[in-house]
Amino acid sequence: MLRTNHHGAVTLLTFDRPEARNAFNHALYCAISDELDRARADDATNVVVLTGQGSAFCAGQDLIEMTAMARGELVFAGGHGFTRLLESLESFDKPLIAAVNGPAAGIGLTMLLHCDIVLVAESARLRVPFAEMGVPPEAGSSALLPLRLGWQKASHLLFTSEWMSADDAVTSGLALRSAKDDRIVDETMALATRIATHDGRAMRTTKRLMMDARGSISQDARGREEAAFAELFRSTRGSSK
């Protein structure tokens, strides 16, 4: 489900559900969150890299699990791992880099807004399908997408649910650069290794200063998004009676 490999001061986390195109379920959310929390507490880890196994980075949330939750057939004690992961991402105070090795949809894209550097494979495509699904944005993306891409490009993504190419991701500022498909992980790891050679305490201080400057934008946006989703869910259930 999640593979963890340590390469010196760099930890590589690989989403390993290729049969589901690495869609995130509760178990995978929790596993990633646990590893990020471990890396944050481990002085031997300076940088974390995220990537996917197989041909996809992440196809979004597991729709089978989501449907079961919506029907009340599946309940997780202590809450769903989605919230846990976002809290771990928002508090992760070391360099976090993504190697987007293939298609990234939903949380596969919105989690990139919490990464410090993103590299994309040349064939990768990215989108947020919320408008098509009839749901509000997630993961603070209603604030973070306009902040990263600008209002018009963010609006286009959020309102149309269209796919974004790797070139568009780079041009818009969502990604730093692209790499050949068979080189994406190697090039990302090379960059991470170079960053990891610097003093870990200094890098951590820099990341914390950047986080402090951004403030609570993500958390505040998530609160509004979750309230909007809850209201939509209540109204939908009420109209179906």
C-alpha atoms as a PDB file:
ATOM      1  CA  MET A   1       0.000   0.000   0.000  1.00  0.00           C
ATOM      2  CA  LEU A   2       2.856   2.390   0.846  1.00  0.00           C
ATOM      3  CA  ARG A   3       6.512   1.624   0.289  1.00  0.00           C
ATOM      4  CA  THR A   4       9.138   3.486   2.308  1.00  0.00           C
ATOM      5  CA  ASN A   5      12.755   3.582   1.171  1.00  0.00           C
ATOM      6  CA  HIS A   6      15.561   5.492   2.848  1.00  0.00           C
ATOM      7  CA  HIS A   7      18.349   6.906   0.696  1.00  0.00           C
ATOM      8  CA  GLY A   8      20.670   8.620   3.134  1.00  0.00           C
ATOM      9  CA  ALA A   9      18.920  11.775   4.336  1.00  0.00           C
ATOM     10  CA  VAL A  10      16.141  11.379   1.739  1.00  0.00           C
ATOM     11  CA  THR A  11      13.024   9.287   2.399  1.00  0.00           C
ATOM     12  CA  LEU A  12      11.081   8.100  -0.646  1.00  0.00           C
ATOM     13  CA  LEU A  13       7.391   7.320  -0.115  1.00  0.00           C
ATOM     14  CA  THR A  14       5.738   5.403  -2.959  1.00  0.00           C
ATOM     15  CA  PHE A  15       1.956   5.034  -3.172  1.00  0.00           C
ATOM     16  CA  ASP A  16       1.567   1.347  -3.985  1.00  0.00           C
ATOM     17  CA  ARG A  17      -1.982   0.597  -5.143  1.00  0.00           C
ATOM     18  CA  PRO A  18      -1.337   0.301  -8.889  1.00  0.00           C
ATOM     19  CA  GLU A  19      -4.441  -1.860  -9.336  1.00  0.00           C
ATOM     20  CA  ALA A  20      -6.478   1.190  -8.216  1.00  0.00           C
ATOM     21  CA  ARG A  21      -4.205   3.702  -9.957  1.00  0.00           C
ATOM     22  CA  ASN A  22      -3.004   4.633  -6.471  1.00  0.00           C
ATOM     23  CA  ALA A  23      -6.374   5.993  -5.383  1.00  0.00           C
ATOM     24  CA  PHE A  24      -6.230   6.942  -1.711  1.00  0.00           C
ATOM     25  CA  ASN A  25      -8.318   5.008   0.816  1.00  0.00           C
ATOM     26  CA  HIS A  26      -8.384   5.380   4.588  1.00  0.00           C
ATOM     27  CA  ALA A  27      -5.493   2.968   5.097  1.00  0.00           C
ATOM     28  CA  LEU A  28      -3.249   4.734   2.598  1.00  0.00           C
ATOM     29  CA  TYR A  29      -4.081   8.187   3.972  1.00  0.00           C
ATOM     30  CA  CYS A  30      -3.101   6.983   7.433  1.00  0.00           C
ATOM     31  CA  ALA A  31       0.054   5.236   6.210  1.00  0.00           C
ATOM     32  CA  ILE A  32       1.322   8.378   4.455  1.00  0.00           C
ATOM     33  CA  SER A  33       0.466  10.515   7.476  1.00  0.00           C
ATOM     34  CA  ASP A  34       2.305   8.114   9.796  1.00  0.00           C
ATOM     35  CA  GLU A  35       5.427   8.165   7.608  1.00  0.00           C
ATOM     36  CA  LEU A  36       5.403  11.958   7.338  1.00  0.00           C
ATOM     37  CA  ASP A  37       5.124  12.224  11.112  1.00  0.00           C
ATOM     38  CA  ARG A  38       8.023   9.767  11.524  1.00  0.00           C
ATOM     39  CA  ALA A  39      10.141  11.687   9.033  1.00  0.00           C
ATOM     40  CA  ARG A  40       9.365  14.925  10.797  1.00  0.00           C
ATOM     41  CA  ALA A  41      10.595  13.478  14.103  1.00  0.00           C
ATOM     42  CA  ASP A  42      13.653  11.786  12.582  1.00  0.00           C
ATOM     43  CA  ASP A  43      16.741  14.021  12.624  1.00  0.00           C
ATOM     44  CA  ALA A  44      18.371  11.721  10.050  1.00  0.00           C
ATOM     45  CA  THR A  45      15.731  12.650   7.441  1.00  0.00           C
ATOM     46  CA  ASN A  46      16.137  16.014   5.724  1.00  0.00           C
ATOM     47  CA  VAL A  47      13.871  15.618   2.676  1.00  0.00           C
ATOM     48  CA  VAL A  48      10.839  13.508   1.758  1.00  0.00           C
ATOM     49  CA  VAL A  49       9.864  12.592  -1.820  1.00  0.00           C
ATOM     50  CA  LEU A  50       6.376  11.406  -2.828  1.00  0.00           C
ATOM     51  CA  THR A  51       5.650   9.350  -5.946  1.00  0.00           C
ATOM     52  CA  GLY A  52       3.357   6.625  -7.269  1.00  0.00           C
ATOM     53  CA  GLN A  53       3.911   3.032  -8.292  1.00  0.00           C
ATOM     54  CA  GLY A  54       3.043   2.046 -11.848  1.00  0.00           C
ATOM     55  CA  SER A  55       1.600   4.367 -14.467  1.00  0.00           C
ATOM     56  CA  ALA A  56      -0.332   6.769 -12.201  1.00  0.00           C
ATOM     57  CA  PHE A  57       0.615   9.190  -9.443  1.00  0.00           C
ATOM     58  CA  CYS A  58      -2.796   9.181  -7.744  1.00  0.00           C
ATOM     59  CA  ALA A  59      -6.298   8.842  -9.201  1.00  0.00           C
ATOM     60  CA  GLY A  60      -7.896  10.688  -6.278  1.00  0.00           C
ATOM     61  CA  GLN A  61     -10.005   9.319  -3.465  1.00  0.00           C
ATOM     62  CA  ASP A  62     -11.134   5.700  -3.589  1.00  0.00           C
ATOM     63  CA  LEU A  63     -14.687   6.050  -4.917  1.00  0.00           C
ATOM     64  CA  ILE A  64     -15.809   2.637  -3.628  1.00  0.00           C
ATOM     65  CA  GLU A  65     -14.840   3.617  -0.104  1.00  0.00           C
ATOM     66  CA  MET A  66     -16.320   7.103  -0.531  1.00  0.00           C
ATOM     67  CA  THR A  67     -19.653   5.665  -1.660  1.00  0.00           C
ATOM     68  CA  ALA A  68     -19.755   3.264   1.287  1.00  0.00           C
ATOM     69  CA  MET A  69     -19.080   6.168   3.659  1.00  0.00           C
ATOM     70  CA  ALA A  70     -21.804   8.311   2.067  1.00  0.00           C
ATOM     71  CA  ARG A  71     -24.291   5.472   2.552  1.00  0.00           C
ATOM     72  CA  GLY A  72     -23.287   5.101   6.187  1.00  0.00           C
ATOM     73  CA  GLU A  73     -21.991   1.592   5.532  1.00  0.00           C
ATOM     74  CA  LEU A  74     -18.447   2.463   6.564  1.00  0.00           C
ATOM     75  CA  VAL A  75     -17.419   4.510   9.591  1.00  0.00           C
ATOM     76  CA  PHE A  76     -13.888   5.059  10.890  1.00  0.00           C
ATOM     77  CA  ALA A  77     -13.339   5.531  14.599  1.00  0.00           C
ATOM     78  CA  GLY A  78     -11.416   8.733  15.197  1.00  0.00           C
ATOM     79  CA  GLY A  79     -12.290  10.128  11.767  1.00  0.00           C
ATOM     80  CA  HIS A  80     -11.163   9.472   8.224  1.00  0.00           C
ATOM     81  CA  GLY A  81      -7.495   9.463   7.270  1.00  0.00           C
ATOM     82  CA  PHE A  82      -8.062  12.272   4.735  1.00  0.00           C
ATOM     83  CA  THR A  83      -8.069  14.873   7.516  1.00  0.00           C
ATOM     84  CA  ARG A  84      -5.079  13.260   9.223  1.00  0.00           C
ATOM     85  CA  LEU A  85      -3.026  13.439   6.040  1.00  0.00           C
ATOM     86  CA  LEU A  86      -3.832  17.093   5.437  1.00  0.00           C
ATOM     87  CA  GLU A  87      -2.863  17.970   8.986  1.00  0.00           C
ATOM     88  CA  SER A  88       0.432  16.116   8.520  1.00  0.00           C
ATOM     89  CA  LEU A  89       1.094  17.904   5.222  1.00  0.00           C
ATOM     90  CA  GLU A  90       0.285  21.315   6.685  1.00  0.00           C
ATOM     91  CA  SER A  91       2.610  20.792   9.652  1.00  0.00           C
ATOM     92  CA  PHE A  92       5.460  19.075   7.800  1.00  0.00           C
ATOM     93  CA  ASP A  93       8.408  21.425   8.352  1.00  0.00           C
ATOM     94  CA  LYS A  94      11.012  19.786   6.109  1.00  0.00           C
ATOM     95  CA  PRO A  95      11.372  19.997   2.318  1.00  0.00           C
ATOM     96  CA  LEU A  96       8.640  17.918   0.649  1.00  0.00           C
ATOM     97  CA  ILE A  97       9.023  17.101  -3.052  1.00  0.00           C
ATOM     98  CA  ALA A  98       6.656  15.306  -5.433  1.00  0.00           C
ATOM     99  CA  ALA A  99       7.626  13.219  -8.458  1.00  0.00           C
ATOM    100  CA  VAL A 100       4.365  13.122 -10.420  1.00  0.00           C
ATOM    101  CA  ASN A 101       5.003  10.015 -12.494  1.00  0.00           C
ATOM    102  CA  GLY A 102       1.582   9.889 -14.199  1.00  0.00           C
ATOM    103  CA  PRO A 103      -2.027  11.098 -13.989  1.00  0.00           C
ATOM    104  CA  ALA A 104      -2.940  13.020 -10.840  1.00  0.00           C
ATOM    105  CA  ALA A 105      -6.582  13.759 -10.051  1.00  0.00           C
ATOM    106  CA  GLY A 106      -8.434  15.083  -7.008  1.00  0.00           C
ATOM    107  CA  ILE A 107      -6.225  14.669  -3.961  1.00  0.00           C
ATOM    108  CA  GLY A 108      -3.495  13.627  -6.381  1.00  0.00           C
ATOM    109  CA  LEU A 109      -3.396  17.255  -7.508  1.00  0.00           C
ATOM    110  CA  THR A 110      -4.514  19.110  -4.388  1.00  0.00           C
ATOM    111  CA  MET A 111      -1.820  17.491  -2.244  1.00  0.00           C
ATOM    112  CA  LEU A 112       0.778  19.009  -4.604  1.00  0.00           C
ATOM    113  CA  LEU A 113      -0.235  22.428  -3.272  1.00  0.00           C
ATOM    114  CA  HIS A 114       1.259  21.323   0.043  1.00  0.00           C
ATOM    115  CA  CYS A 115       4.558  20.255  -1.535  1.00  0.00           C
ATOM    116  CA  ASP A 116       7.502  22.619  -1.785  1.00  0.00           C
ATOM    117  CA  ILE A 117       8.723  21.427  -5.192  1.00  0.00           C
ATOM    118  CA  VAL A 118       6.885  19.429  -7.852  1.00  0.00           C
ATOM    119  CA  LEU A 119       8.383  17.676 -10.869  1.00  0.00           C
ATOM    120  CA  VAL A 120       6.073  16.104 -13.456  1.00  0.00           C
ATOM    121  CA  ALA A 121       6.574  13.373 -16.032  1.00  0.00           C
ATOM    122  CA  GLU A 122       6.138  14.595 -19.606  1.00  0.00           C
ATOM    123  CA  SER A 123       3.064  12.399 -20.118  1.00  0.00           C
ATOM    124  CA  ALA A 124       1.448  13.307 -16.797  1.00  0.00           C
ATOM    125  CA  ARG A 125      -1.979  14.940 -16.763  1.00  0.00           C
ATOM    126  CA  LEU A 126      -3.593  16.632 -13.776  1.00  0.00           C
ATOM    127  CA  ARG A 127      -7.095  17.762 -12.874  1.00  0.00           C
ATOM    128  CA  VAL A 128      -9.522  18.559 -10.074  1.00  0.00           C
ATOM    129  CA  PRO A 129     -12.883  16.874 -10.862  1.00  0.00           C
ATOM    130  CA  PHE A 130     -14.972  18.632  -8.226  1.00  0.00           C
ATOM    131  CA  ALA A 131     -17.236  20.586 -10.602  1.00  0.00           C
ATOM    132  CA  GLU A 132     -17.930  17.436 -12.605  1.00  0.00           C
ATOM    133  CA  MET A 133     -18.726  15.552  -9.381  1.00  0.00           C
ATOM    134  CA  GLY A 134     -20.917  18.366  -8.041  1.00  0.00           C
ATOM    135  CA  VAL A 135     -18.880  18.885  -4.866  1.00  0.00           C
ATOM    136  CA  PRO A 136     -16.826  21.791  -3.435  1.00  0.00           C
ATOM    137  CA  PRO A 137     -13.011  21.866  -3.607  1.00  0.00           C
ATOM    138  CA  GLU A 138     -10.924  20.037  -1.004  1.00  0.00           C
ATOM    139  CA  ALA A 139      -7.641  20.220   0.877  1.00  0.00           C
ATOM    140  CA  GLY A 140      -7.578  24.014   0.983  1.00  0.00           C
ATOM    141  CA  SER A 141      -7.416  24.178  -2.815  1.00  0.00           C
ATOM    142  CA  SER A 142     -10.069  26.930  -2.998  1.00  0.00           C
ATOM    143  CA  ALA A 143      -7.391  29.239  -1.557  1.00  0.00           C
ATOM    144  CA  LEU A 144      -4.140  27.506  -2.486  1.00  0.00           C
ATOM    145  CA  LEU A 145      -4.882  27.066  -6.201  1.00  0.00           C
ATOM    146  CA  PRO A 146      -5.497  30.809  -6.817  1.00  0.00           C
ATOM    147  CA  LEU A 147      -2.448  31.570  -4.676  1.00  0.00           C
ATOM    148  CA  ARG A 148      -0.235  29.249  -6.736  1.00  0.00           C
ATOM    149  CA  LEU A 149      -1.707  29.640 -10.233  1.00  0.00           C
ATOM    150  CA  GLY A 150      -3.465  32.991 -10.162  1.00  0.00           C
ATOM    151  CA  TRP A 151      -7.226  33.569 -10.103  1.00  0.00           C
ATOM    152  CA  GLN A 152      -8.039  32.900 -13.771  1.00  0.00           C
ATOM    153  CA  LYS A 153      -6.059  29.678 -14.184  1.00  0.00           C
ATOM    154  CA  ALA A 154      -7.370  28.361 -10.868  1.00  0.00           C
ATOM    155  CA  SER A 155     -10.918  29.271 -11.888  1.00  0.00           C
ATOM    156  CA  HIS A 156     -10.514  27.442 -15.187  1.00  0.00           C
ATOM    157  CA  LEU A 157      -9.330  24.289 -13.444  1.00  0.00           C
ATOM    158  CA  LEU A 158     -12.004  24.398 -10.745  1.00  0.00           C
ATOM    159  CA  PHE A 159     -14.932  25.363 -12.990  1.00  0.00           C
ATOM    160  CA  THR A 160     -14.236  23.059 -15.960  1.00  0.00           C
ATOM    161  CA  SER A 161     -12.665  19.923 -14.407  1.00  0.00           C
ATOM    162  CA  GLU A 162     -10.485  19.777 -17.533  1.00  0.00           C
ATOM    163  CA  TRP A 163      -7.134  18.009 -17.638  1.00  0.00           C
ATOM    164  CA  MET A 164      -3.928  20.040 -17.379  1.00  0.00           C
ATOM    165  CA  SER A 165      -0.877  18.861 -19.322  1.00  0.00           C
ATOM    166  CA  ALA A 166       2.599  18.615 -17.837  1.00  0.00           C
ATOM    167  CA  ASP A 167       3.658  21.650 -19.886  1.00  0.00           C
ATOM    168  CA  ASP A 168       0.681  23.623 -18.562  1.00  0.00           C
ATOM    169  CA  ALA A 169       1.527  22.575 -15.006  1.00  0.00           C
ATOM    170  CA  VAL A 170       5.039  23.961 -15.427  1.00  0.00           C
ATOM    171  CA  THR A 171       3.911  27.154 -17.192  1.00  0.00           C
ATOM    172  CA  SER A 172       1.281  27.862 -14.535  1.00  0.00           C
ATOM    173  CA  GLY A 173       3.710  27.363 -11.654  1.00  0.00           C
ATOM    174  CA  LEU A 174       2.095  24.216 -10.282  1.00  0.00           C
ATOM    175  CA  ALA A 175       5.282  22.312 -11.154  1.00  0.00           C
ATOM    176  CA  LEU A 176       8.900  23.419 -11.311  1.00  0.00           C
ATOM    177  CA  ARG A 177       9.816  21.424 -14.416  1.00  0.00           C
ATOM    178  CA  SER A 178       9.052  18.267 -16.351  1.00  0.00           C
ATOM    179  CA  ALA A 179      11.203  15.192 -16.959  1.00  0.00           C
ATOM    180  CA  LYS A 180      11.039  12.200 -19.262  1.00  0.00           C
ATOM    181  CA  ASP A 181       8.712   9.524 -17.925  1.00  0.00           C
ATOM    182  CA  ASP A 182      11.495   7.029 -17.290  1.00  0.00           C
ATOM    183  CA  ARG A 183      13.618   9.672 -15.546  1.00  0.00           C
ATOM    184  CA  ILE A 184      11.081  11.444 -13.333  1.00  0.00           C
ATOM    185  CA  VAL A 185      11.885   9.618 -10.091  1.00  0.00           C
ATOM    186  CA  ASP A 186      15.644   9.629 -10.703  1.00  0.00           C
ATOM    187  CA  GLU A 187      15.709  13.357 -11.437  1.00  0.00           C
ATOM    188  CA  THR A 188      13.532  14.127  -8.422  1.00  0.00           C
ATOM    189  CA  MET A 189      15.711  12.005  -6.157  1.00  0.00           C
ATOM    190  CA  ALA A 190      18.832  13.734  -7.497  1.00  0.00           C
ATOM    191  CA  LEU A 191      17.327  17.114  -6.619  1.00  0.00           C
ATOM    192  CA  ALA A 192      16.237  15.871  -3.191  1.00  0.00           C
ATOM    193  CA  THR A 193      19.704  14.452  -2.509  1.00  0.00           C
ATOM    194  CA  ARG A 194      21.315  17.775  -3.399  1.00  0.00           C
ATOM    195  CA  ILE A 195      18.963  19.627  -1.048  1.00  0.00           C
ATOM    196  CA  ALA A 196      19.546  17.050   1.699  1.00  0.00           C
ATOM    197  CA  THR A 197      23.289  17.772   1.736  1.00  0.00           C
ATOM    198  CA  HIS A 198      22.608  21.173   3.288  1.00  0.00           C
ATOM    199  CA  ASP A 199      22.302  21.671   7.024  1.00  0.00           C
ATOM    200  CA  GLY A 200      19.023  20.079   8.094  1.00  0.00           C
ATOM    201  CA  ARG A 201      18.386  22.567  10.877  1.00  0.00           C
ATOM    202  CA  ALA A 202      18.834  25.525   8.544  1.00  0.00           C
ATOM    203  CA  MET A 203      16.536  23.980   5.944  1.00  0.00           C
ATOM    204  CA  ARG A 204      13.939  23.278   8.602  1.00  0.00           C
ATOM    205  CA  THR A 205      14.135  26.853   9.846  1.00  0.00           C
ATOM    206  CA  THR A 206      13.657  28.127   6.300  1.00  0.00           C
ATOM    207  CA  LYS A 207      10.608  25.917   5.789  1.00  0.00           C
ATOM    208  CA  ARG A 208       9.094  27.041   9.087  1.00  0.00           C
ATOM    209  CA  LEU A 209       9.582  30.704   8.170  1.00  0.00           C
ATOM    210  CA  MET A 210       7.850  30.089   4.848  1.00  0.00           C
ATOM    211  CA  MET A 211       5.004  28.293   6.623  1.00  0.00           C
ATOM    212  CA  ASP A 212       4.666  31.128   9.140  1.00  0.00           C
ATOM    213  CA  ALA A 213       4.505  33.657   6.308  1.00  0.00           C
ATOM    214  CA  ARG A 214       1.667  31.730   4.662  1.00  0.00           C
ATOM    215  CA  GLY A 215      -0.179  31.571   7.972  1.00  0.00           C
ATOM    216  CA  SER A 216      -3.435  29.653   8.319  1.00  0.00           C
ATOM    217  CA  ILE A 217      -4.622  30.091   4.727  1.00  0.00           C
ATOM    218  CA  SER A 218      -4.899  26.357   4.105  1.00  0.00           C
ATOM    219  CA  GLN A 219      -6.552  25.515   7.419  1.00  0.00           C
ATOM    220  CA  ASP A 220      -9.067  28.344   7.091  1.00  0.00           C
ATOM    221  CA  ALA A 221      -9.926  27.291   3.534  1.00  0.00           C
ATOM    222  CA  ARG A 222     -10.367  23.672   4.600  1.00  0.00           C
ATOM    223  CA  GLY A 223     -12.796  24.738   7.291  1.00  0.00           C
ATOM    224  CA  ARG A 224     -14.915  26.609   4.748  1.00  0.00           C
ATOM    225  CA  GLU A 225     -14.709  23.737   2.234  1.00  0.00           C
ATOM    226  CA  GLU A 226     -15.744  21.138   4.788  1.00  0.00           C
ATOM    227  CA  ALA A 227     -18.671  23.282   5.940  1.00  0.00           C
ATOM    228  CA  ALA A 228     -19.789  23.726   2.320  1.00  0.00           C
ATOM    229  CA  PHE A 229     -19.518  19.996   1.670  1.00  0.00           C
ATOM    230  CA  ALA A 230     -21.510  19.183   4.824  1.00  0.00           C
ATOM    231  CA  GLU A 231     -24.239  21.629   3.805  1.00  0.00           C
ATOM    232  CA  LEU A 232     -24.378  20.199   0.290  1.00  0.00           C
ATOM    233  CA  PHE A 233     -24.573  16.665   1.701  1.00  0.00           C
ATOM    234  CA  ARG A 234     -27.424  17.648   4.044  1.00  0.00           C
ATOM    235  CA  SER A 235     -29.385  19.355   1.277  1.00  0.00           C
ATOM    236  CA  THR A 236     -28.852  16.440  -1.113  1.00  0.00           C
ATOM    237  CA  ARG A 237     -30.046  13.902   1.454  1.00  0.00           C
ATOM    238  CA  GLY A 238     -33.020  16.093   2.326  1.00  0.00           C
ATOM    239  CA  SER A 239     -34.115  16.432  -1.306  1.00  0.00           C
ATOM    240  CA  SER A 240     -33.896  12.675  -1.847  1.00  0.00           C
ATOM    241  CA  LYS A 241     -36.460  11.879   0.866  1.00  0.00           C
END
